[in-house]
């Protein structure tokens, strides 16, 4: 990664880690001064080559933003572009059951759809 040259200028970076199972340590190593504002870890599907079931926002991470967008869709405030990733129980429709599943997943009550 190249320096932005300024402590107040941020650049968003991402990378993927594949073929991991179980519990692992991830070590970040830097040479020179760094200023990290934040970082996140998330699950993606198939190395990111296919849309991730439940990733309503399309950002590669399943989180509360996806729940919020799905709720807005159910209230007919927005229209979702790819309903196949929203039908979590695969019953052919996107409804409150899918929203409940997504909420439970984000709260780590369940670990798959």
N, C-alpha and C. Protein backbone atom coordinates (compact mmCIF):
# COMPACT_ATOMS: atom_id res chain seq x y z
N UNK A 1 0.84 -1.17 0.00
CA UNK A 1 0.00 0.00 0.00
C UNK A 1 0.89 1.24 0.00
N UNK A 2 0.47 2.19 -0.75
CA UNK A 2 1.21 3.44 -0.81
C UNK A 2 0.66 4.44 0.19
N UNK A 3 1.53 5.30 0.66
CA UNK A 3 1.14 6.34 1.60
C UNK A 3 0.28 7.39 0.90
N UNK A 4 -0.68 7.94 1.64
CA UNK A 4 -1.46 9.05 1.10
C UNK A 4 -0.71 10.37 1.29
N UNK A 5 0.33 10.35 2.13
CA UNK A 5 1.13 11.55 2.35
C UNK A 5 0.58 12.50 3.39
N UNK A 6 -0.53 12.15 4.01
CA UNK A 6 -1.15 13.06 4.98
C UNK A 6 -1.91 12.24 6.01
N UNK A 7 -1.77 12.58 7.28
CA UNK A 7 -2.46 11.86 8.34
C UNK A 7 -3.97 12.01 8.25
N UNK A 8 -4.43 13.09 7.62
CA UNK A 8 -5.87 13.36 7.54
C UNK A 8 -6.50 12.89 6.24
N UNK A 9 -5.72 12.27 5.36
CA UNK A 9 -6.24 11.76 4.09
C UNK A 9 -6.26 10.24 4.18
N UNK A 10 -7.46 9.68 4.11
CA UNK A 10 -7.62 8.24 4.26
C UNK A 10 -7.90 7.59 2.92
N UNK A 11 -7.47 6.36 2.80
CA UNK A 11 -7.75 5.57 1.62
C UNK A 11 -8.33 4.24 2.08
N UNK A 12 -9.48 3.87 1.54
CA UNK A 12 -10.10 2.60 1.92
C UNK A 12 -9.38 1.46 1.21
N UNK A 13 -9.00 0.46 1.96
CA UNK A 13 -8.30 -0.70 1.42
C UNK A 13 -9.07 -1.96 1.81
N UNK A 14 -8.93 -3.00 1.02
CA UNK A 14 -9.54 -4.28 1.38
C UNK A 14 -8.69 -5.41 0.84
N UNK A 15 -8.87 -6.55 1.43
CA UNK A 15 -8.19 -7.76 0.98
C UNK A 15 -9.07 -8.94 1.35
N UNK A 16 -8.76 -10.08 0.80
CA UNK A 16 -9.53 -11.27 1.15
C UNK A 16 -8.59 -12.35 1.66
N UNK A 17 -9.12 -13.15 2.55
CA UNK A 17 -8.41 -14.29 3.11
C UNK A 17 -9.28 -15.49 2.84
N UNK A 18 -8.70 -16.55 2.29
CA UNK A 18 -9.53 -17.70 1.92
C UNK A 18 -8.99 -18.99 2.53
N UNK A 19 -9.82 -20.01 2.44
CA UNK A 19 -9.48 -21.36 2.87
C UNK A 19 -9.09 -21.45 4.34
N UNK A 20 -9.82 -20.74 5.19
CA UNK A 20 -9.59 -20.81 6.63
C UNK A 20 -10.74 -21.53 7.30
N UNK A 21 -10.41 -22.30 8.30
CA UNK A 21 -11.43 -22.94 9.12
C UNK A 21 -11.01 -22.80 10.57
N UNK A 22 -11.96 -22.91 11.46
CA UNK A 22 -11.64 -22.84 12.88
C UNK A 22 -11.31 -21.43 13.33
N UNK A 23 -10.54 -21.34 14.41
CA UNK A 23 -10.15 -20.06 14.98
C UNK A 23 -8.73 -19.76 14.54
N UNK A 24 -8.50 -18.56 14.05
CA UNK A 24 -7.18 -18.17 13.55
C UNK A 24 -6.81 -16.79 14.08
N UNK A 25 -5.51 -16.54 14.19
CA UNK A 25 -5.01 -15.21 14.53
C UNK A 25 -4.64 -14.51 13.23
N UNK A 26 -5.02 -13.25 13.11
CA UNK A 26 -4.62 -12.43 11.98
C UNK A 26 -3.74 -11.33 12.52
N UNK A 27 -2.55 -11.22 11.97
CA UNK A 27 -1.57 -10.25 12.45
C UNK A 27 -1.37 -9.20 11.37
N UNK A 28 -1.53 -7.93 11.73
CA UNK A 28 -1.29 -6.83 10.81
C UNK A 28 0.13 -6.32 11.06
N UNK A 29 0.94 -6.27 10.00
CA UNK A 29 2.33 -5.84 10.12
C UNK A 29 2.53 -4.61 9.25
N UNK A 30 3.12 -3.56 9.81
CA UNK A 30 3.33 -2.32 9.08
C UNK A 30 4.80 -1.93 9.18
N UNK A 31 5.30 -1.26 8.16
CA UNK A 31 6.63 -0.65 8.24
C UNK A 31 6.43 0.85 8.06
N UNK A 32 6.88 1.61 8.99
CA UNK A 32 6.67 3.05 8.94
C UNK A 32 5.42 3.44 9.69
N UNK A 33 5.17 4.74 9.80
CA UNK A 33 4.01 5.22 10.55
C UNK A 33 2.70 4.92 9.83
N UNK A 34 1.70 4.56 10.60
CA UNK A 34 0.38 4.27 10.06
C UNK A 34 -0.69 4.92 10.93
N UNK A 35 -1.81 5.21 10.30
CA UNK A 35 -2.95 5.76 11.01
C UNK A 35 -4.17 4.97 10.54
N UNK A 36 -4.62 4.02 11.35
CA UNK A 36 -5.77 3.20 11.00
C UNK A 36 -6.98 3.75 11.75
N UNK A 37 -7.98 4.14 10.99
CA UNK A 37 -9.20 4.66 11.59
C UNK A 37 -10.07 3.53 12.12
N UNK A 38 -10.26 2.46 11.32
CA UNK A 38 -11.05 1.30 11.72
C UNK A 38 -10.83 0.17 10.73
N UNK A 39 -11.23 -1.02 11.14
CA UNK A 39 -11.23 -2.15 10.21
C UNK A 39 -12.32 -3.11 10.63
N UNK A 40 -12.79 -3.91 9.66
CA UNK A 40 -13.83 -4.89 9.92
C UNK A 40 -13.46 -6.21 9.27
N UNK A 41 -14.03 -7.26 9.79
CA UNK A 41 -13.92 -8.57 9.18
C UNK A 41 -15.33 -9.04 8.86
N UNK A 42 -15.51 -9.67 7.74
CA UNK A 42 -16.82 -10.15 7.37
C UNK A 42 -16.73 -11.40 6.53
N UNK A 43 -17.85 -12.09 6.43
CA UNK A 43 -17.93 -13.30 5.62
C UNK A 43 -18.34 -12.92 4.21
N UNK A 44 -17.73 -13.56 3.25
CA UNK A 44 -18.15 -13.40 1.86
C UNK A 44 -18.34 -14.78 1.27
N UNK A 45 -19.01 -14.86 0.19
CA UNK A 45 -19.26 -16.15 -0.45
C UNK A 45 -18.39 -16.36 -1.67
N UNK A 46 -17.87 -17.54 -1.85
CA UNK A 46 -17.11 -17.95 -3.03
C UNK A 46 -16.03 -16.94 -3.41
N UNK A 47 -15.30 -16.43 -2.44
CA UNK A 47 -14.24 -15.49 -2.74
C UNK A 47 -14.76 -14.19 -3.33
N UNK A 48 -16.03 -13.91 -3.15
CA UNK A 48 -16.59 -12.68 -3.67
C UNK A 48 -17.03 -12.76 -5.11
N UNK A 49 -16.95 -13.94 -5.74
CA UNK A 49 -17.30 -14.04 -7.16
C UNK A 49 -18.80 -14.06 -7.39
N UNK A 50 -19.58 -14.45 -6.42
CA UNK A 50 -21.04 -14.47 -6.53
C UNK A 50 -21.63 -13.61 -5.42
N UNK A 51 -22.83 -13.08 -5.65
CA UNK A 51 -23.48 -12.32 -4.57
C UNK A 51 -23.65 -13.18 -3.33
N UNK A 52 -23.44 -12.59 -2.19
CA UNK A 52 -23.53 -13.29 -0.92
C UNK A 52 -24.98 -13.26 -0.42
N UNK A 53 -25.56 -14.43 -0.20
CA UNK A 53 -26.92 -14.53 0.28
C UNK A 53 -27.06 -13.74 1.58
N UNK A 54 -27.97 -12.79 1.60
CA UNK A 54 -28.18 -11.95 2.77
C UNK A 54 -27.46 -10.62 2.74
N UNK A 55 -26.53 -10.45 1.80
CA UNK A 55 -25.81 -9.17 1.66
C UNK A 55 -26.65 -8.23 0.82
N UNK A 56 -27.68 -7.68 1.41
CA UNK A 56 -28.66 -6.86 0.71
C UNK A 56 -28.02 -5.59 0.15
N UNK A 57 -27.07 -5.01 0.90
CA UNK A 57 -26.43 -3.76 0.46
C UNK A 57 -25.38 -3.99 -0.61
N UNK A 58 -24.90 -5.24 -0.74
CA UNK A 58 -23.89 -5.54 -1.75
C UNK A 58 -22.49 -5.09 -1.38
N UNK A 59 -22.23 -4.88 -0.09
CA UNK A 59 -20.91 -4.42 0.33
C UNK A 59 -19.97 -5.55 0.74
N UNK A 60 -20.41 -6.80 0.59
CA UNK A 60 -19.56 -7.94 0.92
C UNK A 60 -19.64 -8.39 2.36
N UNK A 61 -20.44 -7.71 3.17
CA UNK A 61 -20.56 -8.02 4.59
C UNK A 61 -22.04 -8.08 4.95
N UNK A 62 -22.41 -9.05 5.76
CA UNK A 62 -23.79 -9.13 6.24
C UNK A 62 -23.83 -8.49 7.62
N UNK A 63 -24.59 -7.37 7.74
CA UNK A 63 -24.65 -6.66 9.01
C UNK A 63 -25.99 -5.94 9.15
N UNK A 64 -26.10 -5.07 10.14
CA UNK A 64 -27.37 -4.41 10.42
C UNK A 64 -27.82 -3.51 9.28
N UNK A 65 -26.91 -3.03 8.45
CA UNK A 65 -27.31 -2.22 7.29
C UNK A 65 -28.17 -3.06 6.34
N UNK A 66 -27.85 -4.34 6.22
CA UNK A 66 -28.64 -5.23 5.36
C UNK A 66 -30.04 -5.43 5.94
N UNK A 67 -30.13 -5.56 7.26
CA UNK A 67 -31.43 -5.70 7.91
C UNK A 67 -32.27 -4.45 7.67
N UNK A 68 -31.66 -3.29 7.85
CA UNK A 68 -32.37 -2.04 7.64
C UNK A 68 -32.88 -1.88 6.22
N UNK A 69 -32.05 -2.24 5.23
CA UNK A 69 -32.47 -2.12 3.84
C UNK A 69 -33.58 -3.10 3.52
N UNK A 70 -33.50 -4.32 4.06
CA UNK A 70 -34.56 -5.29 3.82
C UNK A 70 -35.88 -4.82 4.45
N UNK A 71 -35.82 -4.23 5.63
CA UNK A 71 -37.03 -3.68 6.26
C UNK A 71 -37.63 -2.58 5.39
N UNK A 72 -36.78 -1.72 4.84
CA UNK A 72 -37.28 -0.64 3.97
C UNK A 72 -37.93 -1.22 2.72
N UNK A 73 -37.39 -2.33 2.22
CA UNK A 73 -37.99 -2.99 1.06
C UNK A 73 -39.37 -3.55 1.43
N UNK A 74 -39.46 -4.20 2.58
CA UNK A 74 -40.73 -4.78 3.00
C UNK A 74 -41.80 -3.71 3.23
N UNK A 75 -41.37 -2.52 3.63
CA UNK A 75 -42.30 -1.40 3.83
C UNK A 75 -42.57 -0.65 2.53
N UNK A 76 -42.00 -1.15 1.44
CA UNK A 76 -42.16 -0.58 0.10
C UNK A 76 -41.63 0.85 0.00
N UNK A 77 -40.57 1.13 0.76
CA UNK A 77 -39.89 2.42 0.68
C UNK A 77 -38.85 2.38 -0.44
N UNK A 78 -38.19 1.22 -0.60
CA UNK A 78 -37.21 1.02 -1.67
C UNK A 78 -37.52 -0.29 -2.38
N UNK A 79 -36.96 -0.43 -3.57
CA UNK A 79 -37.08 -1.68 -4.33
C UNK A 79 -35.69 -2.29 -4.44
N UNK A 80 -35.57 -3.55 -4.11
CA UNK A 80 -34.28 -4.23 -4.17
C UNK A 80 -34.01 -4.71 -5.58
N UNK A 81 -32.73 -4.60 -5.99
CA UNK A 81 -32.35 -4.94 -7.36
C UNK A 81 -32.21 -6.44 -7.59
N UNK A 82 -31.73 -7.17 -6.59
CA UNK A 82 -31.45 -8.59 -6.78
C UNK A 82 -32.19 -9.42 -5.73
N UNK A 83 -33.47 -9.69 -5.96
CA UNK A 83 -34.26 -10.39 -4.94
C UNK A 83 -33.78 -11.81 -4.63
N UNK A 84 -32.98 -12.42 -5.49
CA UNK A 84 -32.53 -13.79 -5.22
C UNK A 84 -31.65 -13.86 -3.99
N UNK A 85 -30.92 -12.79 -3.65
CA UNK A 85 -30.08 -12.82 -2.45
C UNK A 85 -30.85 -12.41 -1.21
N UNK A 86 -32.11 -12.02 -1.39
CA UNK A 86 -32.94 -11.59 -0.27
C UNK A 86 -33.89 -12.68 0.22
N UNK A 87 -34.15 -13.67 -0.62
CA UNK A 87 -35.06 -14.77 -0.28
C UNK A 87 -34.27 -15.83 0.49
N UNK A 88 -34.05 -15.57 1.76
CA UNK A 88 -33.15 -16.39 2.57
C UNK A 88 -33.67 -17.80 2.82
N UNK A 89 -34.98 -17.97 2.90
CA UNK A 89 -35.51 -19.32 3.14
C UNK A 89 -35.90 -20.02 1.85
N UNK A 90 -35.62 -19.38 0.71
CA UNK A 90 -35.82 -19.97 -0.63
C UNK A 90 -37.25 -20.45 -0.86
N UNK A 91 -38.23 -19.65 -0.41
CA UNK A 91 -39.62 -20.02 -0.65
C UNK A 91 -40.22 -19.28 -1.84
N UNK A 92 -39.38 -18.54 -2.56
CA UNK A 92 -39.85 -17.86 -3.76
C UNK A 92 -40.30 -16.43 -3.56
N UNK A 93 -40.25 -15.94 -2.33
CA UNK A 93 -40.65 -14.57 -2.05
C UNK A 93 -39.81 -13.96 -0.96
N UNK A 94 -39.78 -12.64 -0.92
CA UNK A 94 -39.06 -11.93 0.14
C UNK A 94 -40.11 -11.36 1.09
N UNK A 95 -40.04 -11.79 2.35
CA UNK A 95 -41.06 -11.39 3.32
C UNK A 95 -40.46 -11.25 4.71
N UNK A 96 -41.32 -11.08 5.70
CA UNK A 96 -40.86 -10.87 7.07
C UNK A 96 -40.11 -12.08 7.63
N UNK A 97 -40.36 -13.25 7.12
CA UNK A 97 -39.61 -14.43 7.57
C UNK A 97 -38.14 -14.29 7.18
N UNK A 98 -37.89 -13.80 5.96
CA UNK A 98 -36.52 -13.56 5.53
C UNK A 98 -35.86 -12.49 6.40
N UNK A 99 -36.61 -11.46 6.74
CA UNK A 99 -36.10 -10.40 7.60
C UNK A 99 -35.76 -10.95 8.99
N UNK A 100 -36.60 -11.82 9.50
CA UNK A 100 -36.33 -12.46 10.79
C UNK A 100 -35.08 -13.31 10.75
N UNK A 101 -34.90 -14.06 9.67
CA UNK A 101 -33.69 -14.88 9.52
C UNK A 101 -32.45 -14.01 9.46
N UNK A 102 -32.52 -12.93 8.69
CA UNK A 102 -31.38 -12.04 8.55
C UNK A 102 -31.04 -11.39 9.89
N UNK A 103 -32.05 -10.97 10.62
CA UNK A 103 -31.83 -10.37 11.94
C UNK A 103 -31.17 -11.37 12.88
N UNK A 104 -31.65 -12.59 12.89
CA UNK A 104 -31.07 -13.63 13.75
C UNK A 104 -29.62 -13.92 13.37
N UNK A 105 -29.33 -13.88 12.06
CA UNK A 105 -27.95 -14.11 11.60
C UNK A 105 -27.03 -12.99 12.08
N UNK A 106 -27.47 -11.75 11.91
CA UNK A 106 -26.66 -10.60 12.33
C UNK A 106 -26.43 -10.63 13.84
N UNK A 107 -27.43 -11.05 14.61
CA UNK A 107 -27.29 -11.14 16.06
C UNK A 107 -26.55 -12.40 16.51
N UNK A 108 -26.10 -13.20 15.54
CA UNK A 108 -25.36 -14.45 15.78
C UNK A 108 -26.16 -15.48 16.56
N UNK A 109 -27.48 -15.45 16.38
CA UNK A 109 -28.33 -16.49 16.96
C UNK A 109 -28.28 -17.73 16.08
N UNK A 110 -28.18 -17.51 14.76
CA UNK A 110 -27.98 -18.60 13.80
C UNK A 110 -26.71 -18.29 13.01
N UNK A 111 -26.12 -19.32 12.40
CA UNK A 111 -24.89 -19.07 11.63
C UNK A 111 -25.01 -19.41 10.15
N UNK A 112 -26.22 -19.72 9.70
CA UNK A 112 -26.45 -19.96 8.27
C UNK A 112 -27.93 -19.79 7.98
N UNK A 113 -28.25 -19.69 6.69
CA UNK A 113 -29.65 -19.55 6.27
C UNK A 113 -30.16 -20.87 5.76
